[in-house]
PDB file of N, CA and C in Angstrom:
ATOM      1  N   MET A   1       9.481 -25.858 -11.925  1.00  0.00           N
ATOM      2  CA  MET A   1       8.437 -25.100 -11.262  1.00  0.00           C
ATOM      3  C   MET A   1       7.346 -24.809 -12.289  1.00  0.00           C
ATOM      4  N   SER A   2       6.118 -25.008 -11.881  1.00  0.00           N
ATOM      5  CA  SER A   2       5.007 -24.804 -12.809  1.00  0.00           C
ATOM      6  C   SER A   2       4.550 -23.352 -12.810  1.00  0.00           C
ATOM      7  N   GLU A   3       3.708 -23.039 -13.777  1.00  0.00           N
ATOM      8  CA  GLU A   3       3.194 -21.674 -13.910  1.00  0.00           C
ATOM      9  C   GLU A   3       2.320 -21.284 -12.719  1.00  0.00           C
ATOM     10  N   THR A   4       1.611 -22.255 -12.141  1.00  0.00           N
ATOM     11  CA  THR A   4       0.752 -21.991 -10.991  1.00  0.00           C
ATOM     12  C   THR A   4       1.581 -21.586  -9.778  1.00  0.00           C
ATOM     13  N   GLU A   5       2.716 -22.235  -9.558  1.00  0.00           N
ATOM     14  CA  GLU A   5       3.558 -21.901  -8.421  1.00  0.00           C
ATOM     15  C   GLU A   5       4.125 -20.494  -8.543  1.00  0.00           C
ATOM     16  N   ASP A   6       4.429 -20.041  -9.758  1.00  0.00           N
ATOM     17  CA  ASP A   6       4.955 -18.703  -9.960  1.00  0.00           C
ATOM     18  C   ASP A   6       3.943 -17.633  -9.574  1.00  0.00           C
ATOM     19  N   ARG A   7       2.668 -17.878  -9.809  1.00  0.00           N
ATOM     20  CA  ARG A   7       1.655 -16.865  -9.526  1.00  0.00           C
ATOM     21  C   ARG A   7       1.222 -16.850  -8.072  1.00  0.00           C
ATOM     22  N   THR A   8       1.450 -17.927  -7.342  1.00  0.00           N
ATOM     23  CA  THR A   8       0.951 -17.997  -5.968  1.00  0.00           C
ATOM     24  C   THR A   8       2.021 -17.774  -4.913  1.00  0.00           C
ATOM     25  N   GLY A   9       3.214 -17.457  -5.300  1.00  0.00           N
ATOM     26  CA  GLY A   9       4.255 -17.260  -4.306  1.00  0.00           C
ATOM     27  C   GLY A   9       5.229 -16.174  -4.727  1.00  0.00           C
ATOM     28  N   GLY A  10       6.050 -15.780  -3.777  1.00  0.00           N
ATOM     29  CA  GLY A  10       7.103 -14.827  -4.072  1.00  0.00           C
ATOM     30  C   GLY A  10       6.612 -13.419  -4.297  1.00  0.00           C
ATOM     31  N   PRO A  11       7.324 -12.697  -5.172  1.00  0.00           N
ATOM     32  CA  PRO A  11       7.011 -11.280  -5.407  1.00  0.00           C
ATOM     33  C   PRO A  11       5.591 -11.042  -5.937  1.00  0.00           C
ATOM     34  N   GLY A  12       5.083 -11.940  -6.743  1.00  0.00           N
ATOM     35  CA  GLY A  12       3.728 -11.768  -7.272  1.00  0.00           C
ATOM     36  C   GLY A  12       2.679 -11.750  -6.177  1.00  0.00           C
ATOM     37  N   LEU A  13       2.850 -12.593  -5.182  1.00  0.00           N
ATOM     38  CA  LEU A  13       1.918 -12.643  -4.061  1.00  0.00           C
ATOM     39  C   LEU A  13       2.000 -11.361  -3.230  1.00  0.00           C
ATOM     40  N   VAL A  14       3.205 -10.895  -2.983  1.00  0.00           N
ATOM     41  CA  VAL A  14       3.389  -9.676  -2.193  1.00  0.00           C
ATOM     42  C   VAL A  14       2.770  -8.477  -2.904  1.00  0.00           C
ATOM     43  N   ILE A  15       2.980  -8.367  -4.204  1.00  0.00           N
ATOM     44  CA  ILE A  15       2.398  -7.255  -4.966  1.00  0.00           C
ATOM     45  C   ILE A  15       0.878  -7.349  -4.994  1.00  0.00           C
ATOM     46  N   THR A  16       0.351  -8.557  -5.114  1.00  0.00           N
ATOM     47  CA  THR A  16      -1.107  -8.741  -5.092  1.00  0.00           C
ATOM     48  C   THR A  16      -1.689  -8.300  -3.753  1.00  0.00           C
ATOM     49  N   ILE A  17      -1.057  -8.698  -2.662  1.00  0.00           N
ATOM     50  CA  ILE A  17      -1.523  -8.284  -1.330  1.00  0.00           C
ATOM     51  C   ILE A  17      -1.422  -6.770  -1.179  1.00  0.00           C
ATOM     52  N   TYR A  18      -0.336  -6.179  -1.667  1.00  0.00           N
ATOM     53  CA  TYR A  18      -0.155  -4.724  -1.618  1.00  0.00           C
ATOM     54  C   TYR A  18      -1.294  -4.009  -2.333  1.00  0.00           C
ATOM     55  N   VAL A  19      -1.615  -4.448  -3.545  1.00  0.00           N
ATOM     56  CA  VAL A  19      -2.695  -3.819  -4.321  1.00  0.00           C
ATOM     57  C   VAL A  19      -4.039  -3.989  -3.615  1.00  0.00           C
ATOM     58  N   ILE A  20      -4.294  -5.170  -3.068  1.00  0.00           N
ATOM     59  CA  ILE A  20      -5.558  -5.411  -2.368  1.00  0.00           C
ATOM     60  C   ILE A  20      -5.682  -4.488  -1.150  1.00  0.00           C
ATOM     61  N   VAL A  21      -4.607  -4.332  -0.383  1.00  0.00           N
ATOM     62  CA  VAL A  21      -4.647  -3.476   0.811  1.00  0.00           C
ATOM     63  C   VAL A  21      -4.885  -2.019   0.422  1.00  0.00           C
ATOM     64  N   VAL A  22      -4.217  -1.548  -0.634  1.00  0.00           N
ATOM     65  CA  VAL A  22      -4.392  -0.156  -1.070  1.00  0.00           C
ATOM     66  C   VAL A  22      -5.819   0.068  -1.575  1.00  0.00           C
ATOM     67  N   LEU A  23      -6.353  -0.863  -2.356  1.00  0.00           N
ATOM     68  CA  LEU A  23      -7.729  -0.723  -2.845  1.00  0.00           C
ATOM     69  C   LEU A  23      -8.739  -0.790  -1.699  1.00  0.00           C
ATOM     70  N   LEU A  24      -8.494  -1.653  -0.720  1.00  0.00           N
ATOM     71  CA  LEU A  24      -9.379  -1.744   0.434  1.00  0.00           C
ATOM     72  C   LEU A  24      -9.369  -0.436   1.229  1.00  0.00           C
ATOM     73  N   THR A  25      -8.188   0.129   1.405  1.00  0.00           N
ATOM     74  CA  THR A  25      -8.074   1.396   2.123  1.00  0.00           C
ATOM     75  C   THR A  25      -8.780   2.525   1.385  1.00  0.00           C
ATOM     76  N   ALA A  26      -8.623   2.565   0.063  1.00  0.00           N
ATOM     77  CA  ALA A  26      -9.318   3.584  -0.726  1.00  0.00           C
ATOM     78  C   ALA A  26     -10.832   3.402  -0.631  1.00  0.00           C
ATOM     79  N   SER A  27     -11.290   2.159  -0.627  1.00  0.00           N
ATOM     80  CA  SER A  27     -12.733   1.897  -0.500  1.00  0.00           C
ATOM     81  C   SER A  27     -13.267   2.352   0.848  1.00  0.00           C
ATOM     82  N   ILE A  28     -12.521   2.080   1.897  1.00  0.00           N
ATOM     83  CA  ILE A  28     -12.940   2.513   3.235  1.00  0.00           C
ATOM     84  C   ILE A  28     -12.946   4.039   3.315  1.00  0.00           C
ATOM     85  N   GLY A  29     -11.953   4.683   2.701  1.00  0.00           N
ATOM     86  CA  GLY A  29     -11.946   6.146   2.654  1.00  0.00           C
ATOM     87  C   GLY A  29     -13.165   6.690   1.927  1.00  0.00           C
ATOM     88  N   PHE A  30     -13.553   6.033   0.836  1.00  0.00           N
ATOM     89  CA  PHE A  30     -14.742   6.443   0.093  1.00  0.00           C
ATOM     90  C   PHE A  30     -15.985   6.329   0.970  1.00  0.00           C
ATOM     91  N   ILE A  31     -16.088   5.235   1.708  1.00  0.00           N
ATOM     92  CA  ILE A  31     -17.250   5.030   2.584  1.00  0.00           C
ATOM     93  C   ILE A  31     -17.278   6.083   3.694  1.00  0.00           C
ATOM     94  N   ILE A  32     -16.131   6.369   4.287  1.00  0.00           N
ATOM     95  CA  ILE A  32     -16.073   7.394   5.338  1.00  0.00           C
ATOM     96  C   ILE A  32     -16.459   8.754   4.762  1.00  0.00           C
ATOM     97  N   GLY A  33     -15.981   9.050   3.553  1.00  0.00           N
ATOM     98  CA  GLY A  33     -16.349  10.312   2.914  1.00  0.00           C
ATOM     99  C   GLY A  33     -17.831  10.397   2.602  1.00  0.00           C
ATOM    100  N   ALA A  34     -18.430   9.255   2.253  1.00  0.00           N
ATOM    101  CA  ALA A  34     -19.866   9.233   1.968  1.00  0.00           C
ATOM    102  C   ALA A  34     -20.686   9.448   3.237  1.00  0.00           C
ATOM    103  N   ILE A  35     -20.207   8.908   4.345  1.00  0.00           N
ATOM    104  CA  ILE A  35     -20.901   9.112   5.623  1.00  0.00           C
ATOM    105  C   ILE A  35     -20.789  10.571   6.037  1.00  0.00           C
ATOM    106  N   GLY A  36     -19.623  11.153   5.810  1.00  0.00           N
ATOM    107  CA  GLY A  36     -19.413  12.584   6.042  1.00  0.00           C
ATOM    108  C   GLY A  36     -19.460  13.041   7.472  1.00  0.00           C
ATOM    109  N   PRO A  37     -18.671  12.434   8.375  1.00  0.00           N
ATOM    110  CA  PRO A  37     -18.664  12.943   9.753  1.00  0.00           C
ATOM    111  C   PRO A  37     -18.081  14.354   9.814  1.00  0.00           C
ATOM    112  N   GLN A  38     -18.452  15.086  10.820  1.00  0.00           N
ATOM    113  CA  GLN A  38     -17.971  16.462  10.991  1.00  0.00           C
ATOM    114  C   GLN A  38     -16.484  16.465  11.324  1.00  0.00           C
ATOM    115  N   GLY A  39     -15.796  17.478  10.876  1.00  0.00           N
ATOM    116  CA  GLY A  39     -14.403  17.657  11.242  1.00  0.00           C
ATOM    117  C   GLY A  39     -13.404  16.961  10.337  1.00  0.00           C
ATOM    118  N   LEU A  40     -13.842  16.431   9.219  1.00  0.00           N
ATOM    119  CA  LEU A  40     -12.887  15.812   8.289  1.00  0.00           C
ATOM    120  C   LEU A  40     -12.088  16.901   7.591  1.00  0.00           C
ATOM    121  N   ASP A  41     -10.793  16.768   7.633  1.00  0.00           N
ATOM    122  CA  ASP A  41      -9.913  17.723   6.971  1.00  0.00           C
ATOM    123  C   ASP A  41      -8.702  16.972   6.424  1.00  0.00           C
ATOM    124  N   PRO A  42      -8.900  16.159   5.365  1.00  0.00           N
ATOM    125  CA  PRO A  42      -7.781  15.365   4.849  1.00  0.00           C
ATOM    126  C   PRO A  42      -6.713  16.252   4.220  1.00  0.00           C
ATOM    127  N   GLU A  43      -5.483  16.030   4.635  1.00  0.00           N
ATOM    128  CA  GLU A  43      -4.352  16.800   4.142  1.00  0.00           C
ATOM    129  C   GLU A  43      -3.274  15.801   3.733  1.00  0.00           C
ATOM    130  N   LEU A  44      -3.066  15.653   2.451  1.00  0.00           N
ATOM    131  CA  LEU A  44      -2.152  14.660   1.905  1.00  0.00           C
ATOM    132  C   LEU A  44      -0.709  15.083   2.142  1.00  0.00           C
ATOM    133  N   PHE A  45       0.033  14.275   2.897  1.00  0.00           N
ATOM    134  CA  PHE A  45       1.430  14.525   3.258  1.00  0.00           C
ATOM    135  C   PHE A  45       1.618  15.864   3.965  1.00  0.00           C
ATOM    136  N   GLY A  46       0.575  16.376   4.586  1.00  0.00           N
ATOM    137  CA  GLY A  46       0.659  17.637   5.299  1.00  0.00           C
ATOM    138  C   GLY A  46       0.772  18.851   4.400  1.00  0.00           C
ATOM    139  N   VAL A  47       0.545  18.686   3.104  1.00  0.00           N
ATOM    140  CA  VAL A  47       0.732  19.778   2.155  1.00  0.00           C
ATOM    141  C   VAL A  47      -0.506  20.022   1.292  1.00  0.00           C
ATOM    142  N   VAL A  48      -1.053  18.973   0.718  1.00  0.00           N
ATOM    143  CA  VAL A  48      -2.147  19.095  -0.251  1.00  0.00           C
ATOM    144  C   VAL A  48      -3.489  18.942   0.463  1.00  0.00           C
ATOM    145  N   GLN A  49      -4.293  19.988   0.433  1.00  0.00           N
ATOM    146  CA  GLN A  49      -5.635  19.938   1.003  1.00  0.00           C
ATOM    147  C   GLN A  49      -6.559  19.182   0.053  1.00  0.00           C
ATOM    148  N   LEU A  50      -7.268  18.195   0.569  1.00  0.00           N
ATOM    149  CA  LEU A  50      -8.240  17.442  -0.217  1.00  0.00           C
ATOM    150  C   LEU A  50      -9.638  17.737   0.318  1.00  0.00           C
ATOM    151  N   PRO A  51     -10.617  17.718  -0.560  1.00  0.00           N
ATOM    152  CA  PRO A  51     -11.984  17.949  -0.086  1.00  0.00           C
ATOM    153  C   PRO A  51     -12.470  16.733   0.708  1.00  0.00           C
ATOM    154  N   PRO A  52     -13.294  16.945   1.732  1.00  0.00           N
ATOM    155  CA  PRO A  52     -13.802  15.816   2.518  1.00  0.00           C
ATOM    156  C   PRO A  52     -14.973  15.113   1.831  1.00  0.00           C
ATOM    157  N   THR A  53     -14.828  14.849   0.546  1.00  0.00           N
ATOM    158  CA  THR A  53     -15.829  14.134  -0.241  1.00  0.00           C
ATOM    159  C   THR A  53     -15.426  12.669  -0.325  1.00  0.00           C
ATOM    160  N   PRO A  54     -16.300  11.803  -0.808  1.00  0.00           N
ATOM    161  CA  PRO A  54     -15.923  10.392  -0.955  1.00  0.00           C
ATOM    162  C   PRO A  54     -14.664  10.194  -1.819  1.00  0.00           C
ATOM    163  N   VAL A  55     -14.562  10.909  -2.927  1.00  0.00           N
ATOM    164  CA  VAL A  55     -13.394  10.761  -3.798  1.00  0.00           C
ATOM    165  C   VAL A  55     -12.139  11.298  -3.116  1.00  0.00           C
ATOM    166  N   GLY A  56     -12.245  12.440  -2.455  1.00  0.00           N
ATOM    167  CA  GLY A  56     -11.104  13.004  -1.743  1.00  0.00           C
ATOM    168  C   GLY A  56     -10.597  12.083  -0.648  1.00  0.00           C
ATOM    169  N   MET A  57     -11.507  11.485   0.089  1.00  0.00           N
ATOM    170  CA  MET A  57     -11.114  10.564   1.152  1.00  0.00           C
ATOM    171  C   MET A  57     -10.526   9.272   0.584  1.00  0.00           C
ATOM    172  N   ALA A  58     -11.044   8.811  -0.546  1.00  0.00           N
ATOM    173  CA  ALA A  58     -10.485   7.619  -1.191  1.00  0.00           C
ATOM    174  C   ALA A  58      -9.060   7.881  -1.665  1.00  0.00           C
ATOM    175  N   ILE A  59      -8.832   9.046  -2.250  1.00  0.00           N
ATOM    176  CA  ILE A  59      -7.476   9.420  -2.684  1.00  0.00           C
ATOM    177  C   ILE A  59      -6.547   9.514  -1.476  1.00  0.00           C
ATOM    178  N   TYR A  60      -7.030  10.134  -0.425  1.00  0.00           N
ATOM    179  CA  TYR A  60      -6.223  10.287   0.790  1.00  0.00           C
ATOM    180  C   TYR A  60      -5.829   8.923   1.360  1.00  0.00           C
ATOM    181  N   GLY A  61      -6.814   8.044   1.553  1.00  0.00           N
ATOM    182  CA  GLY A  61      -6.535   6.727   2.141  1.00  0.00           C
ATOM    183  C   GLY A  61      -5.638   5.875   1.270  1.00  0.00           C
ATOM    184  N   GLY A  62      -5.938   5.798  -0.018  1.00  0.00           N
ATOM    185  CA  GLY A  62      -5.143   4.974  -0.918  1.00  0.00           C
ATOM    186  C   GLY A  62      -3.721   5.475  -1.073  1.00  0.00           C
ATOM    187  N   THR A  63      -3.560   6.785  -1.208  1.00  0.00           N
ATOM    188  CA  THR A  63      -2.226   7.359  -1.393  1.00  0.00           C
ATOM    189  C   THR A  63      -1.389   7.247  -0.125  1.00  0.00           C
ATOM    190  N   THR A  64      -1.990   7.496   1.018  1.00  0.00           N
ATOM    191  CA  THR A  64      -1.249   7.441   2.277  1.00  0.00           C
ATOM    192  C   THR A  64      -0.749   6.022   2.558  1.00  0.00           C
ATOM    193  N   ILE A  65      -1.638   5.057   2.513  1.00  0.00           N
ATOM    194  CA  ILE A  65      -1.245   3.672   2.788  1.00  0.00           C
ATOM    195  C   ILE A  65      -0.351   3.134   1.678  1.00  0.00           C
ATOM    196  N   GLY A  66      -0.662   3.486   0.429  1.00  0.00           N
ATOM    197  CA  GLY A  66       0.171   3.033  -0.683  1.00  0.00           C
ATOM    198  C   GLY A  66       1.595   3.533  -0.575  1.00  0.00           C
ATOM    199  N   SER A  67       1.765   4.782  -0.166  1.00  0.00           N
ATOM    200  CA  SER A  67       3.106   5.350  -0.004  1.00  0.00           C
ATOM    201  C   SER A  67       3.849   4.686   1.152  1.00  0.00           C
ATOM    202  N   LEU A  68       3.185   4.558   2.283  1.00  0.00           N
ATOM    203  CA  LEU A  68       3.816   3.957   3.456  1.00  0.00           C
ATOM    204  C   LEU A  68       4.235   2.518   3.176  1.00  0.00           C
ATOM    205  N   LEU A  69       3.305   1.717   2.676  1.00  0.00           N
ATOM    206  CA  LEU A  69       3.629   0.322   2.387  1.00  0.00           C
ATOM    207  C   LEU A  69       4.619   0.200   1.235  1.00  0.00           C
ATOM    208  N   GLY A  70       4.548   1.115   0.279  1.00  0.00           N
ATOM    209  CA  GLY A  70       5.485   1.098  -0.845  1.00  0.00           C
ATOM    210  C   GLY A  70       6.907   1.319  -0.390  1.00  0.00           C
ATOM    211  N   VAL A  71       7.115   2.267   0.521  1.00  0.00           N
ATOM    212  CA  VAL A  71       8.459   2.523   1.051  1.00  0.00           C
ATOM    213  C   VAL A  71       8.957   1.295   1.810  1.00  0.00           C
ATOM    214  N   LEU A  72       8.100   0.697   2.623  1.00  0.00           N
ATOM    215  CA  LEU A  72       8.493  -0.507   3.353  1.00  0.00           C
ATOM    216  C   LEU A  72       8.812  -1.655   2.397  1.00  0.00           C
ATOM    217  N   LEU A  73       8.023  -1.808   1.351  1.00  0.00           N
ATOM    218  CA  LEU A  73       8.242  -2.862   0.362  1.00  0.00           C
ATOM    219  C   LEU A  73       9.560  -2.655  -0.370  1.00  0.00           C
ATOM    220  N   ILE A  74       9.867  -1.424  -0.736  1.00  0.00           N
ATOM    221  CA  ILE A  74      11.143  -1.127  -1.395  1.00  0.00           C
ATOM    222  C   ILE A  74      12.309  -1.461  -0.454  1.00  0.00           C
ATOM    223  N   GLY A  75      12.152  -1.151   0.828  1.00  0.00           N
ATOM    224  CA  GLY A  75      13.186  -1.495   1.799  1.00  0.00           C
ATOM    225  C   GLY A  75      13.401  -2.992   1.924  1.00  0.00           C
ATOM    226  N   VAL A  76      12.327  -3.742   1.938  1.00  0.00           N
ATOM    227  CA  VAL A  76      12.433  -5.202   2.028  1.00  0.00           C
ATOM    228  C   VAL A  76      13.103  -5.765   0.778  1.00  0.00           C
ATOM    229  N   VAL A  77      12.732  -5.272  -0.390  1.00  0.00           N
ATOM    230  CA  VAL A  77      13.346  -5.734  -1.636  1.00  0.00           C
ATOM    231  C   VAL A  77      14.835  -5.407  -1.644  1.00  0.00           C
ATOM    232  N   TYR A  78      15.201  -4.213  -1.190  1.00  0.00           N
ATOM    233  CA  TYR A  78      16.611  -3.814  -1.138  1.00  0.00           C
ATOM    234  C   TYR A  78      17.410  -4.748  -0.237  1.00  0.00           C
ATOM    235  N   VAL A  79      16.894  -4.997   0.962  1.00  0.00           N
ATOM    236  CA  VAL A  79      17.602  -5.863   1.901  1.00  0.00           C
ATOM    237  C   VAL A  79      17.663  -7.289   1.369  1.00  0.00           C
ATOM    238  N   ALA A  80      16.576  -7.774   0.779  1.00  0.00           N
ATOM    239  CA  ALA A  80      16.558  -9.134   0.247  1.00  0.00           C
ATOM    240  C   ALA A  80      17.554  -9.303  -0.893  1.00  0.00           C
ATOM    241  N   ASN A  81      17.717  -8.292  -1.720  1.00  0.00           N
ATOM    242  CA  ASN A  81      18.667  -8.386  -2.821  1.00  0.00           C
ATOM    243  C   ASN A  81      20.104  -8.175  -2.364  1.00  0.00           C
ATOM    244  N   ARG A  82      20.287  -7.420  -1.305  1.00  0.00           N
ATOM    245  CA  ARG A  82      21.647  -7.111  -0.836  1.00  0.00           C
ATOM    246  C   ARG A  82      22.270  -8.262  -0.058  1.00  0.00           C
ATOM    247  N   TYR A  83      21.483  -8.933   0.736  1.00  0.00           N
ATOM    248  CA  TYR A  83      21.999 -10.017   1.564  1.00  0.00           C
ATOM    249  C   TYR A  83      21.558 -11.347   0.995  1.00  0.00           C
ATOM    250  N   ASP A  84      22.516 -12.146   0.646  1.00  0.00           N
ATOM    251  CA  ASP A  84      22.257 -13.450   0.051  1.00  0.00           C
ATOM    252  C   ASP A  84      21.915 -14.469   1.143  1.00  0.00           C
ATOM    253  N   ASP A  85      21.181 -15.508   0.779  1.00  0.00           N
ATOM    254  CA  ASP A  85      20.826 -16.560   1.741  1.00  0.00           C
ATOM    255  C   ASP A  85      21.942 -17.587   1.906  1.00  0.00           C
ATOM    256  N   ALA A  86      23.008 -17.448   1.178  1.00  0.00           N
ATOM    257  CA  ALA A  86      24.090 -18.420   1.240  1.00  0.00           C
ATOM    258  C   ALA A  86      24.751 -18.400   2.625  1.00  0.00           C
ATOM    259  N   GLU A  87      25.230 -19.569   3.049  1.00  0.00           N
ATOM    260  CA  GLU A  87      25.903 -19.666   4.325  1.00  0.00           C
ATOM    261  C   GLU A  87      27.276 -19.034   4.227  1.00  0.00           C
ATOM    262  N   PRO A  88      27.721 -18.370   5.279  1.00  0.00           N
ATOM    263  CA  PRO A  88      29.060 -17.750   5.234  1.00  0.00           C
ATOM    264  C   PRO A  88      30.151 -18.829   5.194  1.00  0.00           C
ATOM    265  N   GLU A  89      31.230 -18.486   4.507  1.00  0.00           N
ATOM    266  CA  GLU A  89      32.346 -19.411   4.418  1.00  0.00           C
ATOM    267  C   GLU A  89      33.152 -19.354   5.699  1.00  0.00           C
ATOM    268  N   THR A  90      33.656 -20.515   6.113  1.00  0.00           N
ATOM    269  CA  THR A  90      34.461 -20.548   7.328  1.00  0.00           C
ATOM    270  C   THR A  90      35.905 -20.807   7.045  1.00  0.00           C
TER     271      THR A  90
END
């Protein structure tokens, strides 16, 4: 297997997509915060009050999606490592 194949497939690709999605979400949060619609009240995990500023909204969006996708990713890695692809013996 060449070095190019290692970077374009498997865990590296999944982590790259994860980072891109989290950064995109943070960017969209920043844009929404810059527009500043009325009634924004970001509350991180229902506990931490964040200001409805561009930075606060970016933190809210990135952290929320990053946490959700991170938990799902950890679950997928756990299941993938626990169950082997080998055929069952008969």
